[in-house]
Amino acid sequence: MGDRCQQFPSFVESSWSVETDLLAELGRATTAYHEATPDRLEIAREEYERVLIKFKSRYTHLSGPDEQE
């Protein structure tokens, strides 16, 4: 049985890496927001919203027209 990565074009592999990195960033921002002290809450919220917007725009960009209906 061959390596599964060999079945996918390189743009899919790089997209996977970008998605993994973005999910990790979103996870860190979510954790920071939920664990923020009251004096850091607003900064953590702004960072979380920034990453969430980035994630949503990336997801919309990657999804095809059939998935957006």
C-alpha atoms as a PDB file:
ATOM      1  CA  MET A   1       0.000   0.000   0.000  1.00  0.00           C
ATOM      2  CA  GLY A   2       1.460   3.348  -1.044  1.00  0.00           C
ATOM      3  CA  ASP A   3       1.712   6.571   0.871  1.00  0.00           C
ATOM      4  CA  ARG A   4      -1.635   8.386   0.852  1.00  0.00           C
ATOM      5  CA  CYS A   5       0.025  11.769   0.339  1.00  0.00           C
ATOM      6  CA  GLN A   6       1.224  10.586  -3.064  1.00  0.00           C
ATOM      7  CA  GLN A   7      -2.396  10.418  -4.205  1.00  0.00           C
ATOM      8  CA  PHE A   8      -2.992  14.137  -3.780  1.00  0.00           C
ATOM      9  CA  PRO A   9      -1.645  17.020  -5.874  1.00  0.00           C
ATOM     10  CA  SER A  10       0.815  19.354  -4.164  1.00  0.00           C
ATOM     11  CA  PHE A  11      -1.743  22.161  -3.833  1.00  0.00           C
ATOM     12  CA  VAL A  12      -3.879  19.876  -1.648  1.00  0.00           C
ATOM     13  CA  GLU A  13      -0.905  19.047   0.556  1.00  0.00           C
ATOM     14  CA  SER A  14      -0.013  22.723   1.013  1.00  0.00           C
ATOM     15  CA  SER A  15      -3.658  23.564   1.659  1.00  0.00           C
ATOM     16  CA  TRP A  16      -3.735  20.849   4.334  1.00  0.00           C
ATOM     17  CA  SER A  17      -0.706  22.402   6.007  1.00  0.00           C
ATOM     18  CA  VAL A  18      -2.268  25.863   5.924  1.00  0.00           C
ATOM     19  CA  GLU A  19      -5.508  24.495   7.372  1.00  0.00           C
ATOM     20  CA  THR A  20      -3.654  22.692  10.148  1.00  0.00           C
ATOM     21  CA  ASP A  21      -1.728  25.843  11.027  1.00  0.00           C
ATOM     22  CA  LEU A  22      -4.893  27.949  10.979  1.00  0.00           C
ATOM     23  CA  LEU A  23      -6.775  25.475  13.177  1.00  0.00           C
ATOM     24  CA  ALA A  24      -3.881  25.494  15.636  1.00  0.00           C
ATOM     25  CA  GLU A  25      -3.917  29.307  15.675  1.00  0.00           C
ATOM     26  CA  LEU A  26      -7.676  29.306  16.264  1.00  0.00           C
ATOM     27  CA  GLY A  27      -7.261  26.794  19.073  1.00  0.00           C
ATOM     28  CA  ARG A  28      -4.598  28.920  20.773  1.00  0.00           C
ATOM     29  CA  ALA A  29      -6.720  32.069  20.441  1.00  0.00           C
ATOM     30  CA  THR A  30      -9.771  30.278  21.833  1.00  0.00           C
ATOM     31  CA  THR A  31      -7.817  28.957  24.801  1.00  0.00           C
ATOM     32  CA  ALA A  32      -6.258  32.372  25.469  1.00  0.00           C
ATOM     33  CA  TYR A  33      -9.696  34.003  25.373  1.00  0.00           C
ATOM     34  CA  HIS A  34     -11.250  31.513  27.779  1.00  0.00           C
ATOM     35  CA  GLU A  35      -8.301  31.658  30.171  1.00  0.00           C
ATOM     36  CA  ALA A  36      -7.739  35.424  30.017  1.00  0.00           C
ATOM     37  CA  THR A  37      -7.671  37.429  33.194  1.00  0.00           C
ATOM     38  CA  PRO A  38     -10.117  40.344  33.369  1.00  0.00           C
ATOM     39  CA  ASP A  39      -7.398  42.855  32.491  1.00  0.00           C
ATOM     40  CA  ARG A  40      -6.445  40.878  29.326  1.00  0.00           C
ATOM     41  CA  LEU A  41      -9.936  39.813  28.275  1.00  0.00           C
ATOM     42  CA  GLU A  42     -10.491  42.543  25.677  1.00  0.00           C
ATOM     43  CA  ILE A  43      -7.128  41.906  23.982  1.00  0.00           C
ATOM     44  CA  ALA A  44      -7.769  38.157  23.960  1.00  0.00           C
ATOM     45  CA  ARG A  45     -11.268  38.697  22.540  1.00  0.00           C
ATOM     46  CA  GLU A  46      -9.926  40.887  19.740  1.00  0.00           C
ATOM     47  CA  GLU A  47      -7.277  38.284  18.863  1.00  0.00           C
ATOM     48  CA  TYR A  48      -9.864  35.501  18.904  1.00  0.00           C
ATOM     49  CA  GLU A  49     -12.180  37.471  16.605  1.00  0.00           C
ATOM     50  CA  ARG A  50      -9.303  38.270  14.244  1.00  0.00           C
ATOM     51  CA  VAL A  51      -8.355  34.609  13.915  1.00  0.00           C
ATOM     52  CA  LEU A  52     -11.998  33.529  13.632  1.00  0.00           C
ATOM     53  CA  ILE A  53     -12.566  35.947  10.740  1.00  0.00           C
ATOM     54  CA  LYS A  54      -9.383  34.662   9.102  1.00  0.00           C
ATOM     55  CA  PHE A  55     -10.595  31.077   9.557  1.00  0.00           C
ATOM     56  CA  LYS A  56     -14.067  31.818   8.191  1.00  0.00           C
ATOM     57  CA  SER A  57     -12.703  33.653   5.157  1.00  0.00           C
ATOM     58  CA  ARG A  58     -10.297  30.787   4.467  1.00  0.00           C
ATOM     59  CA  TYR A  59     -13.087  28.225   4.783  1.00  0.00           C
ATOM     60  CA  THR A  60     -15.345  30.211   2.433  1.00  0.00           C
ATOM     61  CA  HIS A  61     -12.453  30.517  -0.034  1.00  0.00           C
ATOM     62  CA  LEU A  62     -11.792  26.761   0.043  1.00  0.00           C
ATOM     63  CA  SER A  63     -15.374  25.588  -0.156  1.00  0.00           C
ATOM     64  CA  GLY A  64     -16.847  25.255  -3.588  1.00  0.00           C
ATOM     65  CA  PRO A  65     -20.070  26.854  -4.829  1.00  0.00           C
ATOM     66  CA  ASP A  66     -22.031  23.659  -4.046  1.00  0.00           C
ATOM     67  CA  GLU A  67     -21.061  23.851  -0.364  1.00  0.00           C
ATOM     68  CA  GLN A  68     -22.065  27.493   0.044  1.00  0.00           C
ATOM     69  CA  GLU A  69     -25.757  26.993  -0.757  1.00  0.00           C
END
